[in-house]
Structure formats: C-alpha cells, structure tokens
Amino acid sequence: MARPLRIDIPNGLYHVTSRGLERLATVRDDADRGRWTDLLDVVATRRRWRVLAWALMDNHSHLFVRTPDADLSAGMHDLNGSYATGFNRRHGRVGPLLQGRFKAILVETGRHEWELSRYIHLNPVRAGLAGDFESYRWSSCRCYFRASLAPEWLAWEEVLSLHGRTVRTARRAYRAFLEAGLRAGLDSPLRGAVASTLLGSAGFVERMRAWLEGKLPDREVPAARTLRAAATVEAVEAAVCHVFGVASERLWERGRWHNDARLVALYLCRKHTGATISRLGERFGGVTGQAVSRAAHELAARLATERPLSRRVSRCEQALACEAEK
C-alpha cells in the first residue's frame, strides 16, 4: 500500500480519517465507542487540540482538528495505537486493526469549516446509523445544539459563529444547513483535495507547495510526486478537452463564459497550476484577471450543488494526477 504524506505544522487544520483493516468493524459495541471517545478526550486535552467536529462510525472515524503544535502524527499514534491495543485485548484478537496509520488532509483555514463539519455530522445519517443528525450519540453534532454536552476541546462555537451573530440564530442556521445537505445529497468536499493532501484555494496550495520544497519525502510517496510537479496549463486543457469532448479552441474563445468546459479549465488552472491570473486571462481570450478570478469562484460554488459537473471535474483531476505520476 502506498504511504500517505504527512504534513505536521503548527496551527495546522486537518481532516483525519482512520479506517478498519479491509473495512472491518473497529467498534463492536458501546463499550468500544466509549473507550474511543475517552481516548480522544485524553489526547485532545493533553495536546491542546481544538476539535471542530468528529464522528465515530462502525468501521472508520472522522476528525476535523486544529493542532497548536506540529504534533498530529504523534497524537494520532497515541489515539489509534492505544485504542487498537485495548480493542484486541478486550476481544481476544491479534494483528492490525486499522488500515495503515491514518489519512490526513491539510485544510485552508476559513474556507471549509462549514462544509467539512456538515460532511462529518451527516455521515452517520447517510450510513443508516441514525435517523437524524442530532440523535447520534457518537459524534460532535449534538454538542453543537446542547453546549452542556461539549468538552472544552470541542470548538463548536468556532463553526457556529460563521452562521449567525447569536448562538440561537447560529444554531437555527446550522440546522437548516445540515438539512439542506441531506436533501441535496452533496458530494464530499474532500474530493477537491490536491494529491489527497491539501484542500484550499489555488493560492493556499501554491504557498504550501513552496513551503514544502525541500521538505518532501522520497518519490516513493505518490502525494509527494504530485505536489512536486505542478500541472501545466496545457495539461489542464488536455484533460478538460478529453473529459468534455471539445477542441481546445473552444476553451480560448472570448465570450463563452456559459461554456462549462471553459469554466472548468479556468478553475483547474487556478487550482493546480502556478499561472498568474493575468497569464490565464491572456490565454483564455484576452480577458481581465478579475474576470478569471470571478469565473473560477463561480464554478467552485456550482460544484457544491451540481453533482454531474462535480464528477466531471473529478475526472479531470484524476487525469492530471495520473499525468503527474508518469
């Protein structure tokens, strides 16, 4: 199995997933679930983590966490290692419990708190573990609506503050936000992560790529290979033309902002290449940099609600990732 890339930085914001080996259950009863949450409490308290959201499923867990110190790997080793040892002892089993160590995506602060917390809190409902998001005991969701249940390390106020000026209005807005997500059946916001490692704007990805220069591990780590090699504008255009079945000239014609292929090409160039908006403006018909930014932003907003378009963008990104690994 390919090794995941670890990026431990101070004040890092991460979405972390730990999965059972071969999709086997990592919890068998409420005693297991209680022990996992107790260990999370110990680790988060000791390491001063601020957990924005969490959910424990039958065969995996989700954790959305900010680490004041560069200690995500050490903390997850404490959490997963201690839990697996206790699980094996309690159930009389031997061997690995989890699939590898864990998967972590570094998230740009201030852009994905709503979507990721919603994705995590709706997981139990979509998996059929709960009838509604507030009734599931083994996630942070009910703490958002009942502060007396929240441990000190749960940063529920940080997310709710984005939804209203008062706690009451914020809770009402957040509940509506969750309900809208259930009705829409949205795709995971994690699908937009670059190299399954970075989730954020094109500027964030480029800043992190520059910061990581010289710090990345050897080329045996696929994510490191992808981050080392930024996509070219030409590679993006080729991927979009292939997925949308259009000629490249269609992407360059000015006045075709209603053309989804053109919008996707602009969006992916902003996200995956180091090209400036002025260069992209010249490339895509001689438009202004402001028009390029606006088009990319509008396309990003559409991806949250238009699943067919989101799937096409994912296919384009998969093509770019395969090209980067050649």
C-alpha atoms as a PDB file:
ATOM      1  CA  MET A   1       0.000   0.000   0.000  1.00  0.00           C
ATOM      2  CA  ALA A   2       1.306   3.466  -0.907  1.00  0.00           C
ATOM      3  CA  ARG A   3       2.462   5.505   2.048  1.00  0.00           C
ATOM      4  CA  PRO A   4       0.443   8.651   2.832  1.00  0.00           C
ATOM      5  CA  LEU A   5       2.185  12.010   3.020  1.00  0.00           C
ATOM      6  CA  ARG A   6       2.384  13.587   6.497  1.00  0.00           C
ATOM      7  CA  ILE A   7       2.474  17.369   6.875  1.00  0.00           C
ATOM      8  CA  ASP A   8       2.846  18.294  10.547  1.00  0.00           C
ATOM      9  CA  ILE A   9       2.800  22.076  11.024  1.00  0.00           C
ATOM     10  CA  PRO A  10       1.979  24.366  13.972  1.00  0.00           C
ATOM     11  CA  ASN A  11      -1.654  25.514  13.982  1.00  0.00           C
ATOM     12  CA  GLY A  12      -2.475  23.092  11.176  1.00  0.00           C
ATOM     13  CA  LEU A  13      -6.117  22.369  10.378  1.00  0.00           C
ATOM     14  CA  TYR A  14      -6.740  18.786   9.277  1.00  0.00           C
ATOM     15  CA  HIS A  15      -9.435  16.366   8.252  1.00  0.00           C
ATOM     16  CA  VAL A  16      -8.279  12.979   9.540  1.00  0.00           C
ATOM     17  CA  THR A  17      -9.713   9.574   8.669  1.00  0.00           C
ATOM     18  CA  SER A  18      -8.820   6.232  10.246  1.00  0.00           C
ATOM     19  CA  ARG A  19     -10.296   3.098   8.668  1.00  0.00           C
ATOM     20  CA  GLY A  20     -10.573  -0.501   9.740  1.00  0.00           C
ATOM     21  CA  LEU A  21      -8.373  -3.059   8.024  1.00  0.00           C
ATOM     22  CA  GLU A  22     -10.213  -4.482   4.997  1.00  0.00           C
ATOM     23  CA  ARG A  23     -13.235  -2.378   6.043  1.00  0.00           C
ATOM     24  CA  LEU A  24     -13.736  -4.498   9.140  1.00  0.00           C
ATOM     25  CA  ALA A  25     -15.525  -3.030  12.153  1.00  0.00           C
ATOM     26  CA  THR A  26     -13.344  -1.053  14.542  1.00  0.00           C
ATOM     27  CA  VAL A  27     -16.087  -0.921  17.181  1.00  0.00           C
ATOM     28  CA  ARG A  28     -18.399  -3.739  18.230  1.00  0.00           C
ATOM     29  CA  ASP A  29     -20.461  -2.170  20.984  1.00  0.00           C
ATOM     30  CA  ASP A  30     -20.948   0.993  23.016  1.00  0.00           C
ATOM     31  CA  ALA A  31     -18.152  -0.001  25.367  1.00  0.00           C
ATOM     32  CA  ASP A  32     -15.726   0.230  22.439  1.00  0.00           C
ATOM     33  CA  ARG A  33     -17.245   3.523  21.363  1.00  0.00           C
ATOM     34  CA  GLY A  34     -16.972   4.924  24.862  1.00  0.00           C
ATOM     35  CA  ARG A  35     -13.335   3.920  25.103  1.00  0.00           C
ATOM     36  CA  TRP A  36     -12.534   5.609  21.771  1.00  0.00           C
ATOM     37  CA  THR A  37     -14.176   8.868  22.868  1.00  0.00           C
ATOM     38  CA  ASP A  38     -12.398   8.693  26.233  1.00  0.00           C
ATOM     39  CA  LEU A  39      -9.059   8.359  24.437  1.00  0.00           C
ATOM     40  CA  LEU A  40      -9.915  11.281  22.157  1.00  0.00           C
ATOM     41  CA  ASP A  41     -10.627  13.345  25.264  1.00  0.00           C
ATOM     42  CA  VAL A  42      -7.250  12.410  26.765  1.00  0.00           C
ATOM     43  CA  VAL A  43      -5.270  13.145  23.590  1.00  0.00           C
ATOM     44  CA  ALA A  44      -7.076  16.387  22.745  1.00  0.00           C
ATOM     45  CA  THR A  45      -6.725  17.688  26.295  1.00  0.00           C
ATOM     46  CA  ARG A  46      -3.065  16.739  26.656  1.00  0.00           C
ATOM     47  CA  ARG A  47      -2.073  18.208  23.295  1.00  0.00           C
ATOM     48  CA  ARG A  48      -4.387  21.250  23.441  1.00  0.00           C
ATOM     49  CA  TRP A  49      -6.098  20.242  20.209  1.00  0.00           C
ATOM     50  CA  ARG A  50      -9.157  22.183  19.085  1.00  0.00           C
ATOM     51  CA  VAL A  51     -11.554  19.684  17.528  1.00  0.00           C
ATOM     52  CA  LEU A  52     -14.092  21.308  15.218  1.00  0.00           C
ATOM     53  CA  ALA A  53     -16.043  18.114  14.534  1.00  0.00           C
ATOM     54  CA  TRP A  54     -15.779  14.342  14.913  1.00  0.00           C
ATOM     55  CA  ALA A  55     -17.784  11.224  14.169  1.00  0.00           C
ATOM     56  CA  LEU A  56     -17.169   7.598  15.055  1.00  0.00           C
ATOM     57  CA  MET A  57     -18.660   5.130  12.578  1.00  0.00           C
ATOM     58  CA  ASP A  58     -18.668   1.320  12.702  1.00  0.00           C
ATOM     59  CA  ASN A  59     -15.525   0.837  10.613  1.00  0.00           C
ATOM     60  CA  HIS A  60     -13.895   4.267  10.491  1.00  0.00           C
ATOM     61  CA  SER A  61     -13.697   7.642  12.183  1.00  0.00           C
ATOM     62  CA  HIS A  62     -13.590  11.279  11.121  1.00  0.00           C
ATOM     63  CA  LEU A  63     -11.735  14.035  12.976  1.00  0.00           C
ATOM     64  CA  PHE A  64     -11.611  17.710  11.977  1.00  0.00           C
ATOM     65  CA  VAL A  65      -8.941  19.202  14.192  1.00  0.00           C
ATOM     66  CA  ARG A  66      -6.575  22.147  14.645  1.00  0.00           C
ATOM     67  CA  THR A  67      -3.206  21.366  16.251  1.00  0.00           C
ATOM     68  CA  PRO A  68      -1.459  24.288  18.027  1.00  0.00           C
ATOM     69  CA  ASP A  69       1.800  22.329  17.847  1.00  0.00           C
ATOM     70  CA  ALA A  70       3.157  20.240  14.969  1.00  0.00           C
ATOM     71  CA  ASP A  71       2.015  17.012  16.599  1.00  0.00           C
ATOM     72  CA  LEU A  72      -0.777  15.495  14.541  1.00  0.00           C
ATOM     73  CA  SER A  73       1.193  12.312  13.822  1.00  0.00           C
ATOM     74  CA  ALA A  74       2.209  11.862  17.459  1.00  0.00           C
ATOM     75  CA  GLY A  75      -1.322  12.485  18.697  1.00  0.00           C
ATOM     76  CA  MET A  76      -2.919  10.105  16.212  1.00  0.00           C
ATOM     77  CA  HIS A  77      -0.358   7.465  17.164  1.00  0.00           C
ATOM     78  CA  ASP A  78      -1.467   7.862  20.783  1.00  0.00           C
ATOM     79  CA  LEU A  79      -5.157   7.692  19.874  1.00  0.00           C
ATOM     80  CA  ASN A  80      -5.111   4.875  17.332  1.00  0.00           C
ATOM     81  CA  GLY A  81      -2.352   2.843  18.929  1.00  0.00           C
ATOM     82  CA  SER A  82      -3.885   2.849  22.384  1.00  0.00           C
ATOM     83  CA  TYR A  83      -7.353   2.110  21.028  1.00  0.00           C
ATOM     84  CA  ALA A  84      -6.187  -0.817  18.840  1.00  0.00           C
ATOM     85  CA  THR A  85      -4.239  -2.377  21.702  1.00  0.00           C
ATOM     86  CA  GLY A  86      -7.226  -2.166  24.031  1.00  0.00           C
ATOM     87  CA  PHE A  87      -9.628  -3.444  21.362  1.00  0.00           C
ATOM     88  CA  ASN A  88      -7.500  -6.502  20.664  1.00  0.00           C
ATOM     89  CA  ARG A  89      -7.110  -7.249  24.357  1.00  0.00           C
ATOM     90  CA  ARG A  90     -10.821  -6.879  25.056  1.00  0.00           C
ATOM     91  CA  HIS A  91     -11.949  -9.015  22.115  1.00  0.00           C
ATOM     92  CA  GLY A  92      -9.167 -11.587  22.237  1.00  0.00           C
ATOM     93  CA  ARG A  93      -7.796 -10.857  18.778  1.00  0.00           C
ATOM     94  CA  VAL A  94      -4.308 -10.285  17.368  1.00  0.00           C
ATOM     95  CA  GLY A  95      -2.918  -8.361  14.431  1.00  0.00           C
ATOM     96  CA  PRO A  96      -3.554  -4.914  12.959  1.00  0.00           C
ATOM     97  CA  LEU A  97      -6.962  -3.335  13.482  1.00  0.00           C
ATOM     98  CA  LEU A  98      -6.576  -0.269  11.259  1.00  0.00           C
ATOM     99  CA  GLN A  99      -5.773   0.101   7.582  1.00  0.00           C
ATOM    100  CA  GLY A 100      -2.331   1.666   7.735  1.00  0.00           C
ATOM    101  CA  ARG A 101      -1.971   4.591  10.110  1.00  0.00           C
ATOM    102  CA  PHE A 102      -4.362   7.365   9.166  1.00  0.00           C
ATOM    103  CA  LYS A 103      -5.112   9.715   6.275  1.00  0.00           C
ATOM    104  CA  ALA A 104      -4.834  13.458   6.877  1.00  0.00           C
ATOM    105  CA  ILE A 105      -5.710  16.356   4.570  1.00  0.00           C
ATOM    106  CA  LEU A 106      -4.361  19.796   5.465  1.00  0.00           C
ATOM    107  CA  VAL A 107      -7.199  22.313   5.114  1.00  0.00           C
ATOM    108  CA  GLU A 108      -7.021  26.042   4.445  1.00  0.00           C
ATOM    109  CA  THR A 109      -8.419  27.908   7.444  1.00  0.00           C
ATOM    110  CA  GLY A 110     -11.543  29.954   6.837  1.00  0.00           C
ATOM    111  CA  ARG A 111     -12.783  28.178   3.713  1.00  0.00           C
ATOM    112  CA  HIS A 112     -14.127  24.710   4.535  1.00  0.00           C
ATOM    113  CA  GLU A 113     -15.296  24.741   8.168  1.00  0.00           C
ATOM    114  CA  TRP A 114     -18.971  24.700   7.184  1.00  0.00           C
ATOM    115  CA  GLU A 115     -18.738  22.022   4.509  1.00  0.00           C
ATOM    116  CA  LEU A 116     -16.430  19.656   6.384  1.00  0.00           C
ATOM    117  CA  SER A 117     -18.321  19.856   9.669  1.00  0.00           C
ATOM    118  CA  ARG A 118     -21.547  19.150   7.771  1.00  0.00           C
ATOM    119  CA  TYR A 119     -19.965  16.267   5.867  1.00  0.00           C
ATOM    120  CA  ILE A 120     -18.804  14.714   9.135  1.00  0.00           C
ATOM    121  CA  HIS A 121     -22.059  15.256  11.010  1.00  0.00           C
ATOM    122  CA  LEU A 122     -24.198  13.816   8.201  1.00  0.00           C
ATOM    123  CA  ASN A 123     -22.050  10.683   7.824  1.00  0.00           C
ATOM    124  CA  PRO A 124     -23.959   8.639  10.437  1.00  0.00           C
ATOM    125  CA  VAL A 125     -27.323   9.512   8.871  1.00  0.00           C
ATOM    126  CA  ARG A 126     -26.194   8.647   5.354  1.00  0.00           C
ATOM    127  CA  ALA A 127     -24.748   5.362   6.621  1.00  0.00           C
ATOM    128  CA  GLY A 128     -28.056   4.447   8.289  1.00  0.00           C
ATOM    129  CA  LEU A 129     -26.636   4.585  11.815  1.00  0.00           C
ATOM    130  CA  ALA A 130     -29.053   7.303  12.926  1.00  0.00           C
ATOM    131  CA  GLY A 131     -32.452   8.618  11.934  1.00  0.00           C
ATOM    132  CA  ASP A 132     -31.347  12.229  12.270  1.00  0.00           C
ATOM    133  CA  PHE A 133     -28.076  14.055  12.864  1.00  0.00           C
ATOM    134  CA  GLU A 134     -28.927  15.299  16.371  1.00  0.00           C
ATOM    135  CA  SER A 135     -29.774  11.892  17.826  1.00  0.00           C
ATOM    136  CA  TYR A 136     -26.485  10.148  17.037  1.00  0.00           C
ATOM    137  CA  ARG A 137     -24.554   9.798  20.272  1.00  0.00           C
ATOM    138  CA  TRP A 138     -21.107   9.134  18.799  1.00  0.00           C
ATOM    139  CA  SER A 139     -20.408  12.408  17.024  1.00  0.00           C
ATOM    140  CA  SER A 140     -19.964  16.045  17.961  1.00  0.00           C
ATOM    141  CA  CYS A 141     -23.193  17.141  16.275  1.00  0.00           C
ATOM    142  CA  ARG A 142     -25.477  17.089  19.297  1.00  0.00           C
ATOM    143  CA  CYS A 143     -22.913  19.178  21.224  1.00  0.00           C
ATOM    144  CA  TYR A 144     -23.490  21.956  18.684  1.00  0.00           C
ATOM    145  CA  PHE A 145     -27.074  22.169  19.915  1.00  0.00           C
ATOM    146  CA  ARG A 146     -26.511  21.287  23.596  1.00  0.00           C
ATOM    147  CA  ALA A 147     -23.443  23.090  24.911  1.00  0.00           C
ATOM    148  CA  SER A 148     -23.621  21.230  28.237  1.00  0.00           C
ATOM    149  CA  LEU A 149     -22.523  18.065  26.419  1.00  0.00           C
ATOM    150  CA  ALA A 150     -19.462  19.632  24.804  1.00  0.00           C
ATOM    151  CA  PRO A 151     -15.972  19.018  26.225  1.00  0.00           C
ATOM    152  CA  GLU A 152     -13.664  22.029  26.497  1.00  0.00           C
ATOM    153  CA  TRP A 153     -11.603  20.971  23.488  1.00  0.00           C
ATOM    154  CA  LEU A 154     -14.591  20.924  21.106  1.00  0.00           C
ATOM    155  CA  ALA A 155     -14.571  24.187  19.122  1.00  0.00           C
ATOM    156  CA  TRP A 156     -18.282  24.157  18.279  1.00  0.00           C
ATOM    157  CA  GLU A 157     -18.503  27.933  18.732  1.00  0.00           C
ATOM    158  CA  GLU A 158     -15.846  28.425  16.050  1.00  0.00           C
ATOM    159  CA  VAL A 159     -18.049  26.806  13.429  1.00  0.00           C
ATOM    160  CA  LEU A 160     -21.384  28.153  14.651  1.00  0.00           C
ATOM    161  CA  SER A 161     -20.055  31.716  14.756  1.00  0.00           C
ATOM    162  CA  LEU A 162     -19.961  31.578  10.962  1.00  0.00           C
ATOM    163  CA  HIS A 163     -23.732  31.042  10.866  1.00  0.00           C
ATOM    164  CA  GLY A 164     -25.143  33.865  12.960  1.00  0.00           C
ATOM    165  CA  ARG A 165     -24.479  36.678  15.428  1.00  0.00           C
ATOM    166  CA  THR A 166     -26.081  34.911  18.365  1.00  0.00           C
ATOM    167  CA  VAL A 167     -25.903  31.273  19.409  1.00  0.00           C
ATOM    168  CA  ARG A 168     -29.642  30.851  18.906  1.00  0.00           C
ATOM    169  CA  THR A 169     -29.667  32.204  15.355  1.00  0.00           C
ATOM    170  CA  ALA A 170     -26.453  30.345  14.529  1.00  0.00           C
ATOM    171  CA  ARG A 171     -27.903  27.041  15.697  1.00  0.00           C
ATOM    172  CA  ARG A 172     -31.034  27.607  13.665  1.00  0.00           C
ATOM    173  CA  ALA A 173     -28.982  28.415  10.581  1.00  0.00           C
ATOM    174  CA  TYR A 174     -26.656  25.452  11.077  1.00  0.00           C
ATOM    175  CA  ARG A 175     -29.571  23.048  11.480  1.00  0.00           C
ATOM    176  CA  ALA A 176     -31.013  24.351   8.206  1.00  0.00           C
ATOM    177  CA  PHE A 177     -27.571  23.963   6.625  1.00  0.00           C
ATOM    178  CA  LEU A 178     -27.439  20.309   7.683  1.00  0.00           C
ATOM    179  CA  GLU A 179     -30.976  19.631   6.470  1.00  0.00           C
ATOM    180  CA  ALA A 180     -30.197  21.211   3.110  1.00  0.00           C
ATOM    181  CA  GLY A 181     -27.188  18.934   2.796  1.00  0.00           C
ATOM    182  CA  LEU A 182     -29.325  15.862   3.390  1.00  0.00           C
ATOM    183  CA  ARG A 183     -31.850  16.922   0.760  1.00  0.00           C
ATOM    184  CA  ALA A 184     -29.197  17.766  -1.825  1.00  0.00           C
ATOM    185  CA  GLY A 185     -27.108  14.630  -1.340  1.00  0.00           C
ATOM    186  CA  LEU A 186     -23.880  16.583  -1.770  1.00  0.00           C
ATOM    187  CA  ASP A 187     -20.569  15.026  -2.729  1.00  0.00           C
ATOM    188  CA  SER A 188     -17.729  15.060  -0.232  1.00  0.00           C
ATOM    189  CA  PRO A 189     -15.848  18.392  -0.141  1.00  0.00           C
ATOM    190  CA  LEU A 190     -12.680  16.290   0.192  1.00  0.00           C
ATOM    191  CA  ARG A 191     -12.929  15.353  -3.494  1.00  0.00           C
ATOM    192  CA  GLY A 192     -11.258  18.671  -4.296  1.00  0.00           C
ATOM    193  CA  ALA A 193      -8.090  17.891  -2.311  1.00  0.00           C
ATOM    194  CA  VAL A 194      -4.848  18.186  -4.286  1.00  0.00           C
ATOM    195  CA  ALA A 195      -2.803  14.960  -4.162  1.00  0.00           C
ATOM    196  CA  SER A 196      -5.244  13.813  -1.443  1.00  0.00           C
ATOM    197  CA  THR A 197      -3.201  16.076   0.844  1.00  0.00           C
ATOM    198  CA  LEU A 198      -4.143  19.771   0.504  1.00  0.00           C
ATOM    199  CA  LEU A 199      -7.624  21.300   0.435  1.00  0.00           C
ATOM    200  CA  GLY A 200      -7.991  25.005  -0.268  1.00  0.00           C
ATOM    201  CA  SER A 201      -7.626  27.770  -2.799  1.00  0.00           C
ATOM    202  CA  ALA A 202      -5.049  27.790  -5.576  1.00  0.00           C
ATOM    203  CA  GLY A 203      -3.055  30.345  -3.584  1.00  0.00           C
ATOM    204  CA  PHE A 204      -3.044  28.139  -0.500  1.00  0.00           C
ATOM    205  CA  VAL A 205      -1.893  25.120  -2.477  1.00  0.00           C
ATOM    206  CA  GLU A 206       0.918  27.098  -4.079  1.00  0.00           C
ATOM    207  CA  ARG A 207       2.041  28.565  -0.744  1.00  0.00           C
ATOM    208  CA  MET A 208       2.138  25.114   0.823  1.00  0.00           C
ATOM    209  CA  ARG A 209       3.906  23.654  -2.190  1.00  0.00           C
ATOM    210  CA  ALA A 210       6.567  26.357  -1.902  1.00  0.00           C
ATOM    211  CA  TRP A 211       6.890  25.843   1.861  1.00  0.00           C
ATOM    212  CA  LEU A 212       7.272  22.096   1.371  1.00  0.00           C
ATOM    213  CA  GLU A 213      10.039  22.481  -1.199  1.00  0.00           C
ATOM    214  CA  GLY A 214      12.985  20.503   0.116  1.00  0.00           C
ATOM    215  CA  LYS A 215      10.896  19.006   2.932  1.00  0.00           C
ATOM    216  CA  LEU A 216       9.028  16.405   0.892  1.00  0.00           C
ATOM    217  CA  PRO A 217       9.976  12.742   1.333  1.00  0.00           C
ATOM    218  CA  ASP A 218      11.327  10.480  -1.370  1.00  0.00           C
ATOM    219  CA  ARG A 219       9.499   9.808  -4.617  1.00  0.00           C
ATOM    220  CA  GLU A 220       8.031   6.552  -3.311  1.00  0.00           C
ATOM    221  CA  VAL A 221       5.264   8.618  -1.725  1.00  0.00           C
ATOM    222  CA  PRO A 222       2.735   9.316  -4.526  1.00  0.00           C
ATOM    223  CA  ALA A 223       1.410  12.525  -2.952  1.00  0.00           C
ATOM    224  CA  ALA A 224       4.928  13.931  -2.798  1.00  0.00           C
ATOM    225  CA  ARG A 225       5.405  13.271  -6.513  1.00  0.00           C
ATOM    226  CA  THR A 226       2.160  15.056  -7.297  1.00  0.00           C
ATOM    227  CA  LEU A 227       2.969  18.068  -5.127  1.00  0.00           C
ATOM    228  CA  ARG A 228       6.455  18.380  -6.576  1.00  0.00           C
ATOM    229  CA  ALA A 229       5.143  18.669 -10.113  1.00  0.00           C
ATOM    230  CA  ALA A 230       2.584  21.416 -10.562  1.00  0.00           C
ATOM    231  CA  ALA A 231       0.310  20.819 -13.515  1.00  0.00           C
ATOM    232  CA  THR A 232       0.851  22.892 -16.627  1.00  0.00           C
ATOM    233  CA  VAL A 233      -1.872  24.933 -18.264  1.00  0.00           C
ATOM    234  CA  GLU A 234      -1.534  22.722 -21.312  1.00  0.00           C
ATOM    235  CA  ALA A 235      -2.064  19.573 -19.217  1.00  0.00           C
ATOM    236  CA  VAL A 236      -5.217  21.054 -17.698  1.00  0.00           C
ATOM    237  CA  GLU A 237      -6.555  21.981 -21.128  1.00  0.00           C
ATOM    238  CA  ALA A 238      -5.854  18.492 -22.461  1.00  0.00           C
ATOM    239  CA  ALA A 239      -7.660  16.857 -19.535  1.00  0.00           C
ATOM    240  CA  VAL A 240     -10.692  19.140 -19.859  1.00  0.00           C
ATOM    241  CA  CYS A 241     -10.917  18.672 -23.622  1.00  0.00           C
ATOM    242  CA  HIS A 242     -10.797  14.903 -23.177  1.00  0.00           C
ATOM    243  CA  VAL A 243     -13.458  14.768 -20.448  1.00  0.00           C
ATOM    244  CA  PHE A 244     -15.810  17.292 -22.090  1.00  0.00           C
ATOM    245  CA  GLY A 245     -15.182  16.125 -25.653  1.00  0.00           C
ATOM    246  CA  VAL A 246     -14.341  19.571 -27.055  1.00  0.00           C
ATOM    247  CA  ALA A 247     -11.483  21.031 -29.075  1.00  0.00           C
ATOM    248  CA  SER A 248      -9.001  23.293 -27.290  1.00  0.00           C
ATOM    249  CA  GLU A 249     -10.122  26.251 -29.403  1.00  0.00           C
ATOM    250  CA  ARG A 250     -13.427  26.186 -27.550  1.00  0.00           C
ATOM    251  CA  LEU A 251     -11.596  27.000 -24.334  1.00  0.00           C
ATOM    252  CA  TRP A 252      -9.909  30.076 -25.735  1.00  0.00           C
ATOM    253  CA  GLU A 253     -12.880  31.819 -27.377  1.00  0.00           C
ATOM    254  CA  ARG A 254     -13.821  35.012 -25.611  1.00  0.00           C
ATOM    255  CA  GLY A 255     -17.463  35.475 -24.741  1.00  0.00           C
ATOM    256  CA  ARG A 256     -18.099  31.802 -23.948  1.00  0.00           C
ATOM    257  CA  TRP A 257     -18.387  32.064 -20.171  1.00  0.00           C
ATOM    258  CA  HIS A 258     -21.523  29.919 -20.300  1.00  0.00           C
ATOM    259  CA  ASN A 259     -19.376  27.081 -21.646  1.00  0.00           C
ATOM    260  CA  ASP A 260     -18.749  24.690 -18.737  1.00  0.00           C
ATOM    261  CA  ALA A 261     -15.586  23.293 -20.298  1.00  0.00           C
ATOM    262  CA  ARG A 262     -14.076  26.770 -20.384  1.00  0.00           C
ATOM    263  CA  LEU A 263     -15.067  27.482 -16.802  1.00  0.00           C
ATOM    264  CA  VAL A 264     -13.666  24.171 -15.581  1.00  0.00           C
ATOM    265  CA  ALA A 265     -10.383  24.804 -17.393  1.00  0.00           C
ATOM    266  CA  LEU A 266     -10.056  28.188 -15.695  1.00  0.00           C
ATOM    267  CA  TYR A 267     -10.970  26.757 -12.306  1.00  0.00           C
ATOM    268  CA  LEU A 268      -8.461  23.904 -12.566  1.00  0.00           C
ATOM    269  CA  CYS A 269      -5.716  26.200 -13.850  1.00  0.00           C
ATOM    270  CA  ARG A 270      -6.209  28.426 -10.811  1.00  0.00           C
ATOM    271  CA  LYS A 271      -6.209  25.400  -8.501  1.00  0.00           C
ATOM    272  CA  HIS A 272      -3.451  23.246  -9.948  1.00  0.00           C
ATOM    273  CA  THR A 273      -1.027  25.461 -11.835  1.00  0.00           C
ATOM    274  CA  GLY A 274       1.213  28.326 -10.850  1.00  0.00           C
ATOM    275  CA  ALA A 275      -0.015  30.513 -13.708  1.00  0.00           C
ATOM    276  CA  THR A 276      -0.954  34.082 -12.781  1.00  0.00           C
ATOM    277  CA  ILE A 277      -4.460  35.332 -13.423  1.00  0.00           C
ATOM    278  CA  SER A 278      -3.109  37.815 -15.978  1.00  0.00           C
ATOM    279  CA  ARG A 279      -1.476  34.991 -17.931  1.00  0.00           C
ATOM    280  CA  LEU A 280      -4.667  32.946 -17.774  1.00  0.00           C
ATOM    281  CA  GLY A 281      -6.650  35.952 -18.926  1.00  0.00           C
ATOM    282  CA  GLU A 282      -4.452  36.279 -21.981  1.00  0.00           C
ATOM    283  CA  ARG A 283      -4.618  32.542 -22.660  1.00  0.00           C
ATOM    284  CA  PHE A 284      -8.385  32.333 -22.403  1.00  0.00           C
ATOM    285  CA  GLY A 285      -9.370  35.040 -24.845  1.00  0.00           C
ATOM    286  CA  GLY A 286      -7.728  38.203 -23.556  1.00  0.00           C
ATOM    287  CA  VAL A 287      -9.987  38.779 -20.537  1.00  0.00           C
ATOM    288  CA  THR A 288      -9.055  40.557 -17.315  1.00  0.00           C
ATOM    289  CA  GLY A 289      -7.581  38.841 -14.277  1.00  0.00           C
ATOM    290  CA  GLN A 290     -10.664  39.882 -12.331  1.00  0.00           C
ATOM    291  CA  ALA A 291     -12.856  38.036 -14.814  1.00  0.00           C
ATOM    292  CA  VAL A 292     -10.700  34.926 -14.426  1.00  0.00           C
ATOM    293  CA  SER A 293     -10.991  35.017 -10.630  1.00  0.00           C
ATOM    294  CA  ARG A 294     -14.740  35.590 -10.791  1.00  0.00           C
ATOM    295  CA  ALA A 295     -15.248  32.699 -13.213  1.00  0.00           C
ATOM    296  CA  ALA A 296     -13.199  30.306 -11.061  1.00  0.00           C
ATOM    297  CA  HIS A 297     -15.074  31.359  -7.923  1.00  0.00           C
ATOM    298  CA  GLU A 298     -18.472  30.888  -9.573  1.00  0.00           C
ATOM    299  CA  LEU A 299     -17.512  27.437 -10.823  1.00  0.00           C
ATOM    300  CA  ALA A 300     -16.336  26.450  -7.331  1.00  0.00           C
ATOM    301  CA  ALA A 301     -19.720  27.487  -5.912  1.00  0.00           C
ATOM    302  CA  ARG A 302     -21.567  25.416  -8.510  1.00  0.00           C
ATOM    303  CA  LEU A 303     -19.593  22.288  -7.627  1.00  0.00           C
ATOM    304  CA  ALA A 304     -21.257  22.216  -4.203  1.00  0.00           C
ATOM    305  CA  THR A 305     -24.702  21.628  -5.744  1.00  0.00           C
ATOM    306  CA  GLU A 306     -24.223  20.267  -9.285  1.00  0.00           C
ATOM    307  CA  ARG A 307     -23.162  16.643  -8.933  1.00  0.00           C
ATOM    308  CA  PRO A 308     -22.745  15.800 -12.660  1.00  0.00           C
ATOM    309  CA  LEU A 309     -20.434  18.784 -13.075  1.00  0.00           C
ATOM    310  CA  SER A 310     -18.545  17.834  -9.900  1.00  0.00           C
ATOM    311  CA  ARG A 311     -17.992  14.324 -11.234  1.00  0.00           C
ATOM    312  CA  ARG A 312     -16.583  15.717 -14.491  1.00  0.00           C
ATOM    313  CA  VAL A 313     -14.181  17.951 -12.583  1.00  0.00           C
ATOM    314  CA  SER A 314     -13.076  14.949 -10.523  1.00  0.00           C
ATOM    315  CA  ARG A 315     -12.366  13.018 -13.731  1.00  0.00           C
ATOM    316  CA  CYS A 316     -10.242  15.919 -14.970  1.00  0.00           C
ATOM    317  CA  GLU A 317      -8.286  15.964 -11.698  1.00  0.00           C
ATOM    318  CA  GLN A 318      -7.774  12.216 -11.838  1.00  0.00           C
ATOM    319  CA  ALA A 319      -6.338  12.603 -15.340  1.00  0.00           C
ATOM    320  CA  LEU A 320      -3.974  15.301 -14.068  1.00  0.00           C
ATOM    321  CA  ALA A 321      -2.854  13.125 -11.151  1.00  0.00           C
ATOM    322  CA  CYS A 322      -2.131  10.213 -13.499  1.00  0.00           C
ATOM    323  CA  GLU A 323      -0.133  12.507 -15.765  1.00  0.00           C
ATOM    324  CA  ALA A 324       1.881  13.806 -12.799  1.00  0.00           C
ATOM    325  CA  GLU A 325       2.850  10.277 -11.759  1.00  0.00           C
ATOM    326  CA  LYS A 326       4.247   9.314 -15.172  1.00  0.00           C
END
